[in-house]
Amino acid sequence: MSAGYAAPRNDGLAIASLIVGGLSIICTLGCLGIVLGPAAAIMGFISRQRIATSGGALGGGTLAVIGLVLGIVGFVASVGWLFLILSGVITSQTQSTPSP
């Protein structure tokens, strides 16, 4: 029987980053990714810093990176969707106005 060591606990901020990053992807069509994306990216970045300076006491670096990437993708997708919506609205307004 060998004595084992407990695995380091996952950083809560890394888990939060993953959840909020996933939500930013899901909420892209409602343009909520514009708010949720940067929040996930910032949480993921801060979590990576905390994990790196913990000396092995904290784990979850992969969760933090995935949350950071999902946040960036959610933000970019939401901004793209917003531009598509705005260009469609502007295009429909310019085509519906009668010319004299």
N, C-alpha and C. Protein backbone atom coordinates (compact mmCIF):
# COMPACT_ATOMS: atom_id res chain seq x y z
N MET A 1 0.84 -1.17 0.00
CA MET A 1 0.00 0.00 0.00
C MET A 1 0.89 1.24 0.00
N SER A 2 0.72 2.07 -1.01
CA SER A 2 1.55 3.26 -1.10
C SER A 2 0.74 4.49 -0.75
N ALA A 3 1.43 5.43 -0.19
CA ALA A 3 0.77 6.69 0.18
C ALA A 3 0.66 7.54 -1.08
N GLY A 4 -0.53 7.98 -1.38
CA GLY A 4 -0.74 8.82 -2.56
C GLY A 4 -0.98 10.26 -2.16
N TYR A 5 -0.78 11.11 -3.08
CA TYR A 5 -1.02 12.53 -2.85
C TYR A 5 -2.34 12.92 -3.49
N ALA A 6 -3.01 13.81 -2.85
CA ALA A 6 -4.26 14.31 -3.42
C ALA A 6 -3.95 15.21 -4.60
N ALA A 7 -4.76 15.11 -5.61
CA ALA A 7 -4.59 15.98 -6.77
C ALA A 7 -4.92 17.41 -6.37
N PRO A 8 -4.26 18.37 -6.99
CA PRO A 8 -4.58 19.76 -6.65
C PRO A 8 -6.02 20.09 -7.02
N ARG A 9 -6.65 20.89 -6.22
CA ARG A 9 -8.03 21.26 -6.50
C ARG A 9 -8.08 22.26 -7.65
N ASN A 10 -9.14 22.18 -8.41
CA ASN A 10 -9.30 23.10 -9.53
C ASN A 10 -9.64 24.49 -9.01
N ASP A 11 -9.07 25.47 -9.66
CA ASP A 11 -9.35 26.86 -9.31
C ASP A 11 -10.80 27.18 -9.68
N GLY A 12 -11.53 27.76 -8.76
CA GLY A 12 -12.93 28.10 -9.01
C GLY A 12 -13.10 29.09 -10.14
N LEU A 13 -12.13 29.98 -10.29
CA LEU A 13 -12.20 30.96 -11.37
C LEU A 13 -12.05 30.29 -12.74
N ALA A 14 -11.28 29.21 -12.79
CA ALA A 14 -11.14 28.47 -14.05
C ALA A 14 -12.46 27.83 -14.44
N ILE A 15 -13.16 27.26 -13.45
CA ILE A 15 -14.46 26.65 -13.72
C ILE A 15 -15.47 27.71 -14.14
N ALA A 16 -15.45 28.85 -13.46
CA ALA A 16 -16.35 29.95 -13.82
C ALA A 16 -16.06 30.45 -15.23
N SER A 17 -14.79 30.54 -15.59
CA SER A 17 -14.41 30.98 -16.93
C SER A 17 -14.95 30.02 -17.99
N LEU A 18 -14.86 28.72 -17.71
CA LEU A 18 -15.37 27.73 -18.64
C LEU A 18 -16.88 27.85 -18.81
N ILE A 19 -17.60 28.03 -17.71
CA ILE A 19 -19.06 28.14 -17.77
C ILE A 19 -19.48 29.41 -18.50
N VAL A 20 -18.88 30.54 -18.15
CA VAL A 20 -19.25 31.80 -18.78
C VAL A 20 -18.83 31.81 -20.25
N GLY A 21 -17.71 31.19 -20.57
CA GLY A 21 -17.29 31.08 -21.97
C GLY A 21 -18.27 30.27 -22.79
N GLY A 22 -18.76 29.18 -22.22
CA GLY A 22 -19.78 28.38 -22.90
C GLY A 22 -21.06 29.16 -23.09
N LEU A 23 -21.45 29.92 -22.08
CA LEU A 23 -22.64 30.75 -22.20
C LEU A 23 -22.48 31.83 -23.27
N SER A 24 -21.26 32.36 -23.40
CA SER A 24 -21.04 33.39 -24.42
C SER A 24 -21.22 32.82 -25.82
N ILE A 25 -20.87 31.55 -26.01
CA ILE A 25 -21.09 30.90 -27.30
C ILE A 25 -22.59 30.67 -27.52
N ILE A 26 -23.25 30.16 -26.48
CA ILE A 26 -24.68 29.85 -26.59
C ILE A 26 -25.50 31.12 -26.83
N CYS A 27 -25.12 32.21 -26.20
CA CYS A 27 -25.89 33.46 -26.27
C CYS A 27 -25.40 34.39 -27.38
N THR A 28 -24.72 33.85 -28.36
CA THR A 28 -24.21 34.67 -29.46
C THR A 28 -25.34 35.36 -30.22
N LEU A 29 -26.40 34.64 -30.50
CA LEU A 29 -27.48 35.21 -31.31
C LEU A 29 -28.20 36.34 -30.59
N GLY A 30 -28.16 36.36 -29.28
CA GLY A 30 -28.74 37.46 -28.52
C GLY A 30 -27.75 38.57 -28.27
N CYS A 31 -26.57 38.47 -28.84
CA CYS A 31 -25.47 39.44 -28.69
C CYS A 31 -25.01 39.58 -27.24
N LEU A 32 -25.34 38.60 -26.38
CA LEU A 32 -24.84 38.64 -25.00
C LEU A 32 -23.37 38.25 -24.92
N GLY A 33 -22.85 37.65 -25.97
CA GLY A 33 -21.44 37.29 -26.00
C GLY A 33 -20.53 38.50 -25.95
N ILE A 34 -21.08 39.66 -26.29
CA ILE A 34 -20.29 40.89 -26.23
C ILE A 34 -19.92 41.21 -24.79
N VAL A 35 -20.78 40.85 -23.85
CA VAL A 35 -20.51 41.08 -22.43
C VAL A 35 -19.87 39.84 -21.80
N LEU A 36 -20.43 38.66 -22.11
CA LEU A 36 -19.96 37.43 -21.47
C LEU A 36 -18.58 37.00 -21.97
N GLY A 37 -18.27 37.25 -23.23
CA GLY A 37 -16.99 36.84 -23.80
C GLY A 37 -15.79 37.46 -23.10
N PRO A 38 -15.74 38.79 -23.00
CA PRO A 38 -14.62 39.39 -22.29
C PRO A 38 -14.55 38.98 -20.81
N ALA A 39 -15.71 38.80 -20.18
CA ALA A 39 -15.71 38.36 -18.78
C ALA A 39 -15.05 36.99 -18.66
N ALA A 40 -15.39 36.06 -19.56
CA ALA A 40 -14.79 34.72 -19.54
C ALA A 40 -13.30 34.78 -19.83
N ALA A 41 -12.92 35.61 -20.80
CA ALA A 41 -11.50 35.72 -21.15
C ALA A 41 -10.69 36.29 -20.00
N ILE A 42 -11.21 37.30 -19.34
CA ILE A 42 -10.50 37.90 -18.21
C ILE A 42 -10.40 36.91 -17.05
N MET A 43 -11.50 36.21 -16.77
CA MET A 43 -11.45 35.21 -15.69
C MET A 43 -10.46 34.10 -16.01
N GLY A 44 -10.43 33.65 -17.26
CA GLY A 44 -9.48 32.62 -17.66
C GLY A 44 -8.05 33.08 -17.55
N PHE A 45 -7.80 34.32 -17.93
CA PHE A 45 -6.45 34.87 -17.85
C PHE A 45 -6.00 34.99 -16.39
N ILE A 46 -6.87 35.53 -15.54
CA ILE A 46 -6.53 35.68 -14.12
C ILE A 46 -6.34 34.31 -13.48
N SER A 47 -7.18 33.36 -13.85
CA SER A 47 -7.05 32.01 -13.30
C SER A 47 -5.73 31.38 -13.69
N ARG A 48 -5.32 31.55 -14.94
CA ARG A 48 -4.02 31.02 -15.36
C ARG A 48 -2.88 31.62 -14.54
N GLN A 49 -2.98 32.91 -14.24
CA GLN A 49 -1.96 33.57 -13.41
C GLN A 49 -1.95 32.96 -12.02
N ARG A 50 -3.13 32.77 -11.44
CA ARG A 50 -3.23 32.22 -10.09
C ARG A 50 -2.70 30.80 -10.04
N ILE A 51 -3.00 30.00 -11.05
CA ILE A 51 -2.55 28.62 -11.09
C ILE A 51 -1.03 28.57 -11.22
N ALA A 52 -0.48 29.44 -12.05
CA ALA A 52 0.97 29.46 -12.26
C ALA A 52 1.72 29.87 -11.00
N THR A 53 1.16 30.77 -10.22
CA THR A 53 1.85 31.24 -9.01
C THR A 53 1.51 30.45 -7.76
N SER A 54 0.64 29.44 -7.88
CA SER A 54 0.23 28.67 -6.70
C SER A 54 1.24 27.61 -6.30
N GLY A 55 2.20 27.34 -7.13
CA GLY A 55 3.21 26.34 -6.81
C GLY A 55 2.66 24.92 -6.81
N GLY A 56 1.68 24.65 -7.64
CA GLY A 56 1.11 23.32 -7.75
C GLY A 56 -0.07 23.06 -6.83
N ALA A 57 -0.45 24.05 -6.02
CA ALA A 57 -1.59 23.87 -5.11
C ALA A 57 -2.92 23.95 -5.84
N LEU A 58 -2.95 24.66 -6.97
CA LEU A 58 -4.18 24.80 -7.75
C LEU A 58 -4.01 24.12 -9.10
N GLY A 59 -5.08 23.52 -9.57
CA GLY A 59 -5.11 22.91 -10.90
C GLY A 59 -6.19 23.58 -11.73
N GLY A 60 -6.43 23.04 -12.90
CA GLY A 60 -7.48 23.58 -13.76
C GLY A 60 -6.97 24.52 -14.83
N GLY A 61 -5.69 24.42 -15.15
CA GLY A 61 -5.13 25.30 -16.19
C GLY A 61 -5.79 25.09 -17.53
N THR A 62 -6.11 23.83 -17.84
CA THR A 62 -6.77 23.54 -19.11
C THR A 62 -8.17 24.13 -19.14
N LEU A 63 -8.88 24.06 -18.02
CA LEU A 63 -10.22 24.65 -17.96
C LEU A 63 -10.14 26.16 -18.19
N ALA A 64 -9.13 26.79 -17.60
CA ALA A 64 -8.97 28.23 -17.76
C ALA A 64 -8.69 28.61 -19.22
N VAL A 65 -7.84 27.83 -19.87
CA VAL A 65 -7.51 28.13 -21.27
C VAL A 65 -8.74 27.92 -22.16
N ILE A 66 -9.48 26.85 -21.93
CA ILE A 66 -10.67 26.59 -22.74
C ILE A 66 -11.70 27.71 -22.51
N GLY A 67 -11.88 28.14 -21.26
CA GLY A 67 -12.79 29.24 -20.97
C GLY A 67 -12.35 30.52 -21.65
N LEU A 68 -11.05 30.78 -21.63
CA LEU A 68 -10.51 31.98 -22.28
C LEU A 68 -10.79 31.95 -23.78
N VAL A 69 -10.52 30.80 -24.40
CA VAL A 69 -10.74 30.68 -25.86
C VAL A 69 -12.22 30.78 -26.20
N LEU A 70 -13.08 30.10 -25.42
CA LEU A 70 -14.52 30.19 -25.67
C LEU A 70 -15.01 31.62 -25.52
N GLY A 71 -14.47 32.35 -24.54
CA GLY A 71 -14.86 33.74 -24.36
C GLY A 71 -14.49 34.60 -25.55
N ILE A 72 -13.29 34.39 -26.07
CA ILE A 72 -12.85 35.16 -27.24
C ILE A 72 -13.71 34.82 -28.46
N VAL A 73 -13.96 33.53 -28.66
CA VAL A 73 -14.77 33.11 -29.81
C VAL A 73 -16.20 33.64 -29.68
N GLY A 74 -16.76 33.58 -28.46
CA GLY A 74 -18.11 34.09 -28.23
C GLY A 74 -18.20 35.59 -28.48
N PHE A 75 -17.18 36.33 -28.07
CA PHE A 75 -17.16 37.77 -28.29
C PHE A 75 -17.09 38.09 -29.78
N VAL A 76 -16.18 37.44 -30.48
CA VAL A 76 -16.02 37.70 -31.92
C VAL A 76 -17.28 37.31 -32.68
N ALA A 77 -17.87 36.18 -32.33
CA ALA A 77 -19.10 35.74 -33.01
C ALA A 77 -20.25 36.72 -32.74
N SER A 78 -20.34 37.22 -31.52
CA SER A 78 -21.42 38.16 -31.20
C SER A 78 -21.24 39.49 -31.91
N VAL A 79 -20.01 39.96 -32.00
CA VAL A 79 -19.75 41.21 -32.72
C VAL A 79 -20.06 41.02 -34.20
N GLY A 80 -19.67 39.88 -34.76
CA GLY A 80 -20.00 39.60 -36.16
C GLY A 80 -21.50 39.53 -36.38
N TRP A 81 -22.21 38.88 -35.47
CA TRP A 81 -23.67 38.78 -35.57
C TRP A 81 -24.30 40.18 -35.46
N LEU A 82 -23.79 41.01 -34.56
CA LEU A 82 -24.30 42.37 -34.40
C LEU A 82 -24.11 43.17 -35.69
N PHE A 83 -22.94 43.04 -36.32
CA PHE A 83 -22.70 43.74 -37.57
C PHE A 83 -23.63 43.24 -38.67
N LEU A 84 -23.90 41.94 -38.69
CA LEU A 84 -24.84 41.41 -39.68
C LEU A 84 -26.24 41.96 -39.46
N ILE A 85 -26.64 42.03 -38.21
CA ILE A 85 -27.96 42.59 -37.90
C ILE A 85 -28.04 44.05 -38.31
N LEU A 86 -27.03 44.83 -37.92
CA LEU A 86 -27.04 46.26 -38.25
C LEU A 86 -26.96 46.49 -39.75
N SER A 87 -26.17 45.73 -40.45
CA SER A 87 -26.09 45.92 -41.91
C SER A 87 -27.40 45.52 -42.58
N GLY A 88 -28.08 44.52 -42.03
CA GLY A 88 -29.38 44.14 -42.58
C GLY A 88 -30.42 45.20 -42.33
N VAL A 89 -30.40 45.82 -41.17
CA VAL A 89 -31.36 46.88 -40.84
C VAL A 89 -31.09 48.10 -41.70
N ILE A 90 -29.83 48.45 -41.83
CA ILE A 90 -29.49 49.62 -42.64
C ILE A 90 -29.84 49.36 -44.10
N THR A 91 -29.57 48.18 -44.61
CA THR A 91 -29.88 47.84 -46.00
C THR A 91 -31.38 47.86 -46.24
N SER A 92 -32.17 47.30 -45.30
CA SER A 92 -33.61 47.28 -45.51
C SER A 92 -34.21 48.69 -45.42
N GLN A 93 -33.62 49.57 -44.63
CA GLN A 93 -34.13 50.93 -44.54
C GLN A 93 -33.81 51.73 -45.79
N THR A 94 -32.65 51.50 -46.35
CA THR A 94 -32.30 52.26 -47.56
C THR A 94 -33.06 51.77 -48.77
N GLN A 95 -33.44 50.49 -48.79
CA GLN A 95 -34.19 49.97 -49.94
C GLN A 95 -35.67 50.29 -49.82
N SER A 96 -36.19 50.49 -48.61
CA SER A 96 -37.63 50.70 -48.46
C SER A 96 -38.01 52.18 -48.62
N THR A 97 -37.05 53.09 -48.61
CA THR A 97 -37.40 54.50 -48.78
C THR A 97 -37.63 54.78 -50.27
N PRO A 98 -38.76 55.36 -50.59
CA PRO A 98 -39.06 55.66 -52.00
C PRO A 98 -38.16 56.79 -52.53
N SER A 99 -37.78 56.68 -53.75
CA SER A 99 -36.98 57.74 -54.34
C SER A 99 -37.91 58.73 -55.04
N PRO A 100 -37.60 60.03 -54.96
CA PRO A 100 -38.48 61.06 -55.55
C PRO A 100 -38.42 61.11 -57.04
